[in-house]
Amino acid sequence: MKTIQGHPPPASARAFTLIEVMVATTIFFMAMFSILGVLCAGIHAASILRSSGPTAGMAAGYYFVTNQIVEGGDSGDFSDIAGYQGYQWRSVAAEVATNGLFKMEFVVIDPHGNPSSTLDVLIYNPASSSGQHMGLQSTPH
């Protein structure tokens, strides 16, 4: 914009147009609503995790601390973890193929006796009798 004399207006007279202000405001609010959406989703996920009991994934991690796969069943509880007293876990391991592939099923049972979480895992065990028949050796770690 030029004045009548052909010189640009002084710096103090320059301003943003209404369109520029509206575009900037729109971008600001879109960013704020996106950030609030992510924050609300995180808070919701945290509240679900806080209100639920132990999961079958926790039972699997609890079981695999020994790093041993034994065909048959096993069970335990979460009495050593604060807030999870009364919850139990059960696992069943069975060989599903002749090459040392095992299927492990984990179930967490709530204090009322109802299954609250389940997990099925396929695991290869070269130390199994069928895995050793294939000429595979297990190496100690």
C-alpha atoms as a PDB file:
ATOM      1  CA  MET A   1       0.000   0.000   0.000  1.00  0.00           C
ATOM      2  CA  LYS A   2       1.425   3.388  -0.959  1.00  0.00           C
ATOM      3  CA  THR A   3       0.513   6.836   0.132  1.00  0.00           C
ATOM      4  CA  ILE A   4      -0.376   9.609  -2.238  1.00  0.00           C
ATOM      5  CA  GLN A   5       3.211  10.812  -2.359  1.00  0.00           C
ATOM      6  CA  GLY A   6       4.368   7.314  -3.543  1.00  0.00           C
ATOM      7  CA  HIS A   7       6.135   6.370  -0.313  1.00  0.00           C
ATOM      8  CA  PRO A   8       5.202   3.361   1.819  1.00  0.00           C
ATOM      9  CA  PRO A   9       3.363   4.130   5.060  1.00  0.00           C
ATOM     10  CA  PRO A  10       5.465   4.413   8.217  1.00  0.00           C
ATOM     11  CA  ALA A  11       6.091   1.214  10.248  1.00  0.00           C
ATOM     12  CA  SER A  12       3.674   2.344  12.942  1.00  0.00           C
ATOM     13  CA  ALA A  13       0.829   2.458  10.399  1.00  0.00           C
ATOM     14  CA  ARG A  14       1.318  -1.098   9.087  1.00  0.00           C
ATOM     15  CA  ALA A  15      -1.093  -3.766  10.446  1.00  0.00           C
ATOM     16  CA  PHE A  16      -2.347  -7.255   9.760  1.00  0.00           C
ATOM     17  CA  THR A  17      -5.457  -7.647   7.671  1.00  0.00           C
ATOM     18  CA  LEU A  18      -8.546  -9.329   9.065  1.00  0.00           C
ATOM     19  CA  ILE A  19      -7.957 -12.386   6.828  1.00  0.00           C
ATOM     20  CA  GLU A  20      -4.405 -12.847   8.170  1.00  0.00           C
ATOM     21  CA  VAL A  21      -5.639 -12.663  11.754  1.00  0.00           C
ATOM     22  CA  MET A  22      -8.422 -15.174  11.053  1.00  0.00           C
ATOM     23  CA  VAL A  23      -6.008 -17.624   9.383  1.00  0.00           C
ATOM     24  CA  ALA A  24      -3.547 -17.369  12.274  1.00  0.00           C
ATOM     25  CA  THR A  25      -6.340 -17.863  14.822  1.00  0.00           C
ATOM     26  CA  THR A  26      -7.653 -20.903  12.934  1.00  0.00           C
ATOM     27  CA  ILE A  27      -4.207 -22.505  12.816  1.00  0.00           C
ATOM     28  CA  PHE A  28      -3.701 -21.810  16.543  1.00  0.00           C
ATOM     29  CA  PHE A  29      -7.012 -23.400  17.550  1.00  0.00           C
ATOM     30  CA  MET A  30      -6.476 -26.420  15.265  1.00  0.00           C
ATOM     31  CA  ALA A  31      -3.117 -27.042  16.940  1.00  0.00           C
ATOM     32  CA  MET A  32      -4.602 -26.590  20.421  1.00  0.00           C
ATOM     33  CA  PHE A  33      -7.491 -29.003  19.736  1.00  0.00           C
ATOM     34  CA  SER A  34      -5.046 -31.571  18.360  1.00  0.00           C
ATOM     35  CA  ILE A  35      -2.865 -31.315  21.459  1.00  0.00           C
ATOM     36  CA  LEU A  36      -5.913 -31.563  23.733  1.00  0.00           C
ATOM     37  CA  GLY A  37      -7.121 -34.658  21.837  1.00  0.00           C
ATOM     38  CA  VAL A  38      -3.785 -36.424  22.344  1.00  0.00           C
ATOM     39  CA  LEU A  39      -3.726 -35.404  26.010  1.00  0.00           C
ATOM     40  CA  CYS A  40      -7.278 -36.684  26.606  1.00  0.00           C
ATOM     41  CA  ALA A  41      -6.482 -40.004  24.889  1.00  0.00           C
ATOM     42  CA  GLY A  42      -3.431 -40.446  27.113  1.00  0.00           C
ATOM     43  CA  ILE A  43      -5.403 -39.683  30.269  1.00  0.00           C
ATOM     44  CA  HIS A  44      -8.142 -42.108  29.203  1.00  0.00           C
ATOM     45  CA  ALA A  45      -5.597 -44.883  28.544  1.00  0.00           C
ATOM     46  CA  ALA A  46      -3.959 -44.264  31.920  1.00  0.00           C
ATOM     47  CA  SER A  47      -7.299 -44.471  33.724  1.00  0.00           C
ATOM     48  CA  ILE A  48      -8.132 -47.766  32.003  1.00  0.00           C
ATOM     49  CA  LEU A  49      -4.772 -49.222  32.978  1.00  0.00           C
ATOM     50  CA  ARG A  50      -5.163 -48.012  36.552  1.00  0.00           C
ATOM     51  CA  SER A  51      -8.665 -49.453  36.984  1.00  0.00           C
ATOM     52  CA  SER A  52      -8.021 -52.863  35.430  1.00  0.00           C
ATOM     53  CA  GLY A  53      -6.360 -55.809  37.109  1.00  0.00           C
ATOM     54  CA  PRO A  54      -3.351 -57.775  35.930  1.00  0.00           C
ATOM     55  CA  THR A  55      -3.233 -58.906  32.307  1.00  0.00           C
ATOM     56  CA  ALA A  56      -2.294 -62.194  30.719  1.00  0.00           C
ATOM     57  CA  GLY A  57       0.792 -60.453  29.325  1.00  0.00           C
ATOM     58  CA  MET A  58       1.927 -59.852  32.897  1.00  0.00           C
ATOM     59  CA  ALA A  59       1.366 -63.541  33.622  1.00  0.00           C
ATOM     60  CA  ALA A  60       3.429 -64.501  30.578  1.00  0.00           C
ATOM     61  CA  GLY A  61       6.253 -62.215  31.667  1.00  0.00           C
ATOM     62  CA  TYR A  62       5.999 -63.589  35.184  1.00  0.00           C
ATOM     63  CA  TYR A  63       6.219 -67.132  33.794  1.00  0.00           C
ATOM     64  CA  PHE A  64       9.063 -66.553  31.314  1.00  0.00           C
ATOM     65  CA  VAL A  65      11.427 -65.239  33.988  1.00  0.00           C
ATOM     66  CA  THR A  66      12.550 -68.874  34.298  1.00  0.00           C
ATOM     67  CA  ASN A  67      13.139 -69.116  30.519  1.00  0.00           C
ATOM     68  CA  GLN A  68      11.848 -72.701  30.592  1.00  0.00           C
ATOM     69  CA  ILE A  69       9.022 -74.156  28.542  1.00  0.00           C
ATOM     70  CA  VAL A  70       7.516 -77.203  30.192  1.00  0.00           C
ATOM     71  CA  GLU A  71       4.743 -79.124  28.507  1.00  0.00           C
ATOM     72  CA  GLY A  72       1.650 -79.251  30.689  1.00  0.00           C
ATOM     73  CA  GLY A  73       0.079 -76.739  33.010  1.00  0.00           C
ATOM     74  CA  ASP A  74       1.274 -74.273  35.599  1.00  0.00           C
ATOM     75  CA  SER A  75      -0.398 -71.736  37.843  1.00  0.00           C
ATOM     76  CA  GLY A  76       0.360 -68.983  40.288  1.00  0.00           C
ATOM     77  CA  ASP A  77      -0.933 -65.755  41.724  1.00  0.00           C
ATOM     78  CA  PHE A  78      -0.111 -62.077  41.898  1.00  0.00           C
ATOM     79  CA  SER A  79      -0.062 -61.860  45.690  1.00  0.00           C
ATOM     80  CA  ASP A  80       3.410 -60.289  45.691  1.00  0.00           C
ATOM     81  CA  ILE A  81       2.185 -57.267  43.668  1.00  0.00           C
ATOM     82  CA  ALA A  82       0.320 -54.616  45.667  1.00  0.00           C
ATOM     83  CA  GLY A  83      -3.296 -54.221  44.607  1.00  0.00           C
ATOM     84  CA  TYR A  84      -3.486 -57.530  42.738  1.00  0.00           C
ATOM     85  CA  GLN A  85      -4.157 -59.857  45.674  1.00  0.00           C
ATOM     86  CA  GLY A  86      -6.765 -62.470  44.820  1.00  0.00           C
ATOM     87  CA  TYR A  87      -5.856 -62.614  41.121  1.00  0.00           C
ATOM     88  CA  GLN A  88      -4.493 -65.924  39.828  1.00  0.00           C
ATOM     89  CA  TRP A  89      -2.954 -67.038  36.549  1.00  0.00           C
ATOM     90  CA  ARG A  90      -2.930 -70.393  34.795  1.00  0.00           C
ATOM     91  CA  SER A  91      -0.956 -71.530  31.790  1.00  0.00           C
ATOM     92  CA  VAL A  92      -1.108 -74.575  29.555  1.00  0.00           C
ATOM     93  CA  ALA A  93       1.739 -75.470  27.192  1.00  0.00           C
ATOM     94  CA  ALA A  94       1.364 -78.057  24.463  1.00  0.00           C
ATOM     95  CA  GLU A  95       3.499 -78.951  21.477  1.00  0.00           C
ATOM     96  CA  VAL A  96       1.576 -78.096  18.320  1.00  0.00           C
ATOM     97  CA  ALA A  97       4.074 -79.229  15.683  1.00  0.00           C
ATOM     98  CA  THR A  98       6.795 -81.846  15.440  1.00  0.00           C
ATOM     99  CA  ASN A  99       9.528 -79.229  15.090  1.00  0.00           C
ATOM    100  CA  GLY A 100       9.540 -77.941  18.680  1.00  0.00           C
ATOM    101  CA  LEU A 101       6.772 -75.355  18.286  1.00  0.00           C
ATOM    102  CA  PHE A 102       4.719 -74.915  21.461  1.00  0.00           C
ATOM    103  CA  LYS A 103       1.468 -73.081  22.072  1.00  0.00           C
ATOM    104  CA  MET A 104       1.127 -71.514  25.493  1.00  0.00           C
ATOM    105  CA  GLU A 105      -2.224 -70.277  26.724  1.00  0.00           C
ATOM    106  CA  PHE A 106      -2.304 -67.840  29.641  1.00  0.00           C
ATOM    107  CA  VAL A 107      -5.448 -66.964  31.573  1.00  0.00           C
ATOM    108  CA  VAL A 108      -5.789 -64.481  34.436  1.00  0.00           C
ATOM    109  CA  ILE A 109      -8.643 -65.202  36.842  1.00  0.00           C
ATOM    110  CA  ASP A 110     -10.104 -62.368  38.918  1.00  0.00           C
ATOM    111  CA  PRO A 111     -10.941 -62.736  42.632  1.00  0.00           C
ATOM    112  CA  HIS A 112     -14.525 -63.746  41.704  1.00  0.00           C
ATOM    113  CA  GLY A 113     -13.275 -66.731  39.667  1.00  0.00           C
ATOM    114  CA  ASN A 114     -13.993 -65.225  36.232  1.00  0.00           C
ATOM    115  CA  PRO A 115     -11.377 -65.073  33.465  1.00  0.00           C
ATOM    116  CA  SER A 116     -10.359 -61.435  33.042  1.00  0.00           C
ATOM    117  CA  SER A 117      -7.605 -61.690  30.437  1.00  0.00           C
ATOM    118  CA  THR A 118      -6.275 -64.342  28.036  1.00  0.00           C
ATOM    119  CA  LEU A 119      -3.223 -64.623  25.806  1.00  0.00           C
ATOM    120  CA  ASP A 120      -2.043 -67.315  23.371  1.00  0.00           C
ATOM    121  CA  VAL A 121       1.654 -67.432  22.445  1.00  0.00           C
ATOM    122  CA  LEU A 122       3.566 -69.625  19.979  1.00  0.00           C
ATOM    123  CA  ILE A 123       7.113 -70.371  21.115  1.00  0.00           C
ATOM    124  CA  TYR A 124       9.888 -72.401  19.567  1.00  0.00           C
ATOM    125  CA  ASN A 125      11.835 -74.629  21.944  1.00  0.00           C
ATOM    126  CA  PRO A 126      14.913 -76.224  20.348  1.00  0.00           C
ATOM    127  CA  ALA A 127      15.516 -78.181  23.564  1.00  0.00           C
ATOM    128  CA  SER A 128      12.273 -80.142  23.127  1.00  0.00           C
ATOM    129  CA  SER A 129      12.501 -83.821  22.224  1.00  0.00           C
ATOM    130  CA  SER A 130      11.207 -83.209  18.693  1.00  0.00           C
ATOM    131  CA  GLY A 131      13.544 -80.224  18.219  1.00  0.00           C
ATOM    132  CA  GLN A 132      16.534 -82.366  19.179  1.00  0.00           C
ATOM    133  CA  HIS A 133      15.434 -85.093  16.739  1.00  0.00           C
ATOM    134  CA  MET A 134      15.780 -82.547  13.963  1.00  0.00           C
ATOM    135  CA  GLY A 135      19.464 -82.156  14.796  1.00  0.00           C
ATOM    136  CA  LEU A 136      19.036 -78.809  16.512  1.00  0.00           C
ATOM    137  CA  GLN A 137      21.115 -78.065  19.557  1.00  0.00           C
ATOM    138  CA  SER A 138      20.195 -75.675  22.297  1.00  0.00           C
ATOM    139  CA  THR A 139      23.008 -73.475  23.471  1.00  0.00           C
ATOM    140  CA  PRO A 140      23.155 -72.300  27.075  1.00  0.00           C
ATOM    141  CA  HIS A 141      22.958 -68.553  27.638  1.00  0.00           C
END
